[in-house]
């Protein structure tokens, strides 16, 4: 909770405002989970990117979503750099150095994720939605039959999906999953 509030605070300090897009090119890591909570906590909209897409499709999504900032796992930094070269307006880059990744790392002038989060306030007075229909996330198709199509999820839809998952899967008996799994699963497969 404190790390998500720090992330929200750092995003707000970086100039992200309500309704602007923050993209995430991450594996299912702690940073991805923090994005699922921290991005909406600053009023921004989360855009998770499928790690299996090519640079051209990623560039299209970043431009179409009007992404202001992208948080990328060091493993996917070469792919993102290729996509950024194709973007009309490249977003600011924050690099998450996943301790589980043991492959090659490339040098980057981008901001380190841990330093970015550490710059935020753990007591940040996070923003609640103004309206239940405010956007919380945008997800894209893979673009197999043309340009990818984006679908916006609103706070009401995310809440109802979480409640439906909890009821359907009898998650009430396992309260630890109630708050983490549904929203993460809403976009986490990207």
Protein backbone atom coordinates (compact mmCIF):
# COMPACT_ATOMS: atom_id res chain seq x y z
CA UNK A 1 0.00 0.00 0.00
CA UNK A 2 2.77 2.43 0.93
CA UNK A 3 4.72 1.65 -2.27
CA UNK A 4 1.63 2.19 -4.43
CA UNK A 5 1.03 5.52 -2.70
CA UNK A 6 4.69 6.43 -3.27
CA UNK A 7 4.32 5.54 -6.95
CA UNK A 8 1.14 7.63 -7.20
CA UNK A 9 2.92 10.54 -5.53
CA UNK A 10 5.96 10.23 -7.81
CA UNK A 11 3.69 10.14 -10.88
CA UNK A 12 1.86 13.25 -9.68
CA UNK A 13 5.20 14.99 -9.05
CA UNK A 14 6.21 14.03 -12.60
CA UNK A 15 3.20 15.96 -13.89
CA UNK A 16 0.72 13.13 -14.51
CA UNK A 17 -2.83 14.33 -14.05
CA UNK A 18 -6.28 12.80 -14.00
CA UNK A 19 -7.09 10.92 -17.20
CA UNK A 20 -3.55 10.83 -18.62
CA UNK A 21 -2.04 7.50 -19.62
CA UNK A 22 0.79 5.59 -17.94
CA UNK A 23 1.97 2.53 -19.87
CA UNK A 24 3.60 -0.56 -18.38
CA UNK A 25 5.77 -3.01 -20.32
CA UNK A 26 6.38 -5.36 -17.42
CA UNK A 27 6.20 -9.04 -16.58
CA UNK A 28 4.01 -10.10 -13.65
CA UNK A 29 6.35 -8.55 -11.09
CA UNK A 30 5.85 -6.46 -7.95
CA UNK A 31 6.23 -3.32 -10.10
CA UNK A 32 3.27 -4.41 -12.25
CA UNK A 33 1.10 -4.94 -9.18
CA UNK A 34 2.17 -1.53 -7.83
CA UNK A 35 1.19 0.03 -11.18
CA UNK A 36 -2.28 -1.49 -10.96
CA UNK A 37 -2.89 0.48 -7.77
CA UNK A 38 -0.45 3.41 -7.97
CA UNK A 39 -1.46 4.63 -11.42
CA UNK A 40 -5.18 4.98 -10.58
CA UNK A 41 -4.24 6.47 -7.19
CA UNK A 42 -2.88 9.55 -9.01
CA UNK A 43 -5.93 9.69 -11.28
CA UNK A 44 -4.10 8.37 -14.34
CA UNK A 45 -5.16 5.53 -16.64
CA UNK A 46 -3.11 2.31 -16.78
CA UNK A 47 -2.15 0.88 -20.17
CA UNK A 48 -0.52 -2.54 -19.85
CA UNK A 49 1.39 -3.72 -22.91
CA UNK A 50 1.63 -7.35 -24.00
CA UNK A 51 5.32 -8.27 -23.75
CA UNK A 52 5.05 -10.52 -26.83
CA UNK A 53 4.19 -7.73 -29.27
CA UNK A 54 6.61 -6.29 -31.79
CA UNK A 55 8.00 -2.74 -31.72
CA UNK A 56 5.65 -1.37 -34.40
CA UNK A 57 2.51 -2.49 -32.52
CA UNK A 58 3.88 -1.17 -29.22
CA UNK A 59 4.68 2.19 -30.87
CA UNK A 60 1.14 2.35 -32.26
CA UNK A 61 -0.34 1.67 -28.82
CA UNK A 62 1.88 4.24 -27.08
CA UNK A 63 0.88 6.90 -29.61
CA UNK A 64 -2.80 5.96 -29.73
CA UNK A 65 -3.10 5.84 -25.92
CA UNK A 66 -1.31 9.21 -25.67
CA UNK A 67 1.04 7.66 -23.17
CA UNK A 68 2.92 10.24 -21.09
CA UNK A 69 5.16 7.79 -19.24
CA UNK A 70 6.10 4.13 -19.64
CA UNK A 71 7.46 1.83 -16.94
CA UNK A 72 9.51 -0.94 -18.53
CA UNK A 73 11.22 -4.05 -17.21
CA UNK A 74 14.94 -4.03 -18.03
CA UNK A 75 14.38 -7.28 -19.94
CA UNK A 76 12.10 -5.47 -22.42
CA UNK A 77 14.14 -2.25 -22.68
CA UNK A 78 15.67 -3.12 -26.10
CA UNK A 79 12.15 -3.78 -27.47
CA UNK A 80 10.86 -0.52 -25.99
CA UNK A 81 13.78 1.47 -27.40
CA UNK A 82 12.97 0.08 -30.84
CA UNK A 83 9.31 1.10 -30.36
CA UNK A 84 10.24 4.58 -29.10
CA UNK A 85 12.15 5.19 -32.34
CA UNK A 86 8.84 4.66 -34.17
CA UNK A 87 6.69 6.81 -31.84
CA UNK A 88 5.39 10.19 -32.89
CA UNK A 89 5.66 11.47 -29.31
CA UNK A 90 7.79 9.15 -27.17
CA UNK A 91 6.79 9.04 -23.48
CA UNK A 92 9.17 9.42 -20.54
CA UNK A 93 10.80 6.10 -19.59
CA UNK A 94 11.19 4.59 -16.11
CA UNK A 95 13.19 1.32 -15.94
CA UNK A 96 12.39 -1.45 -13.45
CA UNK A 97 15.47 -3.61 -12.81
CA UNK A 98 13.84 -6.96 -12.05
CA UNK A 99 16.15 -8.88 -9.66
CA UNK A 100 14.86 -12.17 -11.10
CA UNK A 101 16.06 -11.30 -14.62
CA UNK A 102 19.55 -12.73 -15.21
CA UNK A 103 19.99 -11.77 -18.88
CA UNK A 104 21.97 -8.92 -20.42
CA UNK A 105 21.27 -5.36 -19.37
CA UNK A 106 21.77 -2.36 -21.61
CA UNK A 107 22.83 1.07 -20.43
CA UNK A 108 20.01 3.58 -20.18
CA UNK A 109 19.72 7.22 -19.21
CA UNK A 110 16.13 6.56 -18.08
CA UNK A 111 15.07 7.00 -14.47
CA UNK A 112 15.40 3.95 -12.22
CA UNK A 113 12.04 2.66 -10.96
CA UNK A 114 13.18 2.20 -7.36
CA UNK A 115 14.59 5.74 -7.23
CA UNK A 116 11.38 7.04 -8.81
CA UNK A 117 9.19 5.27 -6.24
CA UNK A 118 11.46 6.34 -3.37
CA UNK A 119 10.95 9.99 -4.40
CA UNK A 120 7.22 9.65 -3.68
CA UNK A 121 5.36 10.26 -0.44
CA UNK A 122 4.16 7.07 1.34
CA UNK A 123 1.36 9.15 2.89
CA UNK A 124 0.24 10.64 -0.45
CA UNK A 125 -3.41 11.67 -0.29
CA UNK A 126 -4.39 9.63 -3.31
CA UNK A 127 -7.14 10.67 -5.67
CA UNK A 128 -10.43 8.87 -5.69
CA UNK A 129 -12.38 8.85 -8.97
CA UNK A 130 -14.56 11.91 -9.48
CA UNK A 131 -17.13 9.65 -11.10
CA UNK A 132 -17.50 5.85 -11.16
CA UNK A 133 -17.38 6.04 -14.96
CA UNK A 134 -13.87 7.58 -14.94
CA UNK A 135 -11.32 5.48 -16.82
CA UNK A 136 -9.04 3.21 -14.79
CA UNK A 137 -7.34 1.27 -17.61
CA UNK A 138 -7.03 0.90 -21.36
CA UNK A 139 -6.25 -2.46 -22.94
CA UNK A 140 -5.49 -3.18 -26.58
CA UNK A 141 -5.98 -6.09 -28.93
CA UNK A 142 -2.80 -7.45 -30.50
CA UNK A 143 -3.59 -5.99 -33.91
CA UNK A 144 -3.58 -9.29 -35.81
CA UNK A 145 -6.19 -8.04 -38.31
CA UNK A 146 -5.11 -4.40 -38.53
CA UNK A 147 -4.25 -1.69 -36.03
CA UNK A 148 -4.84 -2.65 -32.39
CA UNK A 149 -8.17 -1.60 -30.90
CA UNK A 150 -8.25 -0.03 -27.44
CA UNK A 151 -10.91 -0.76 -24.85
CA UNK A 152 -11.30 1.52 -21.84
CA UNK A 153 -12.30 0.04 -18.48
CA UNK A 154 -13.92 2.39 -15.97
CA UNK A 155 -13.76 2.23 -12.18
CA UNK A 156 -17.32 0.90 -11.97
CA UNK A 157 -16.53 -1.93 -14.39
CA UNK A 158 -13.32 -2.86 -12.55
CA UNK A 159 -15.20 -2.90 -9.23
CA UNK A 160 -18.03 -5.03 -10.60
CA UNK A 161 -15.55 -7.42 -12.23
CA UNK A 162 -13.69 -7.77 -8.92
CA UNK A 163 -16.92 -8.43 -7.04
CA UNK A 164 -18.10 -10.91 -9.68
CA UNK A 165 -14.79 -12.79 -9.55
CA UNK A 166 -14.89 -12.85 -5.76
CA UNK A 167 -18.42 -14.26 -5.70
CA UNK A 168 -17.94 -16.73 -8.56
CA UNK A 169 -14.68 -18.11 -7.19
CA UNK A 170 -15.85 -18.07 -3.54
CA UNK A 171 -12.93 -15.77 -2.79
CA UNK A 172 -14.55 -14.41 0.35
CA UNK A 173 -13.03 -17.38 2.20
CA UNK A 174 -9.58 -16.29 1.01
CA UNK A 175 -9.59 -12.55 1.75
CA UNK A 176 -5.95 -12.10 0.75
CA UNK A 177 -6.89 -12.67 -2.91
CA UNK A 178 -9.90 -10.36 -2.88
CA UNK A 179 -7.86 -7.17 -3.15
CA UNK A 180 -4.98 -8.31 -5.33
CA UNK A 181 -6.13 -10.84 -7.90
CA UNK A 182 -9.16 -9.36 -9.70
CA UNK A 183 -7.73 -5.98 -10.78
CA UNK A 184 -4.36 -7.51 -11.55
CA UNK A 185 -6.04 -10.15 -13.70
CA UNK A 186 -8.12 -7.50 -15.45
CA UNK A 187 -4.97 -6.28 -17.27
CA UNK A 188 -2.15 -8.48 -16.00
CA UNK A 189 -2.23 -10.82 -18.97
CA UNK A 190 -1.12 -7.97 -21.20
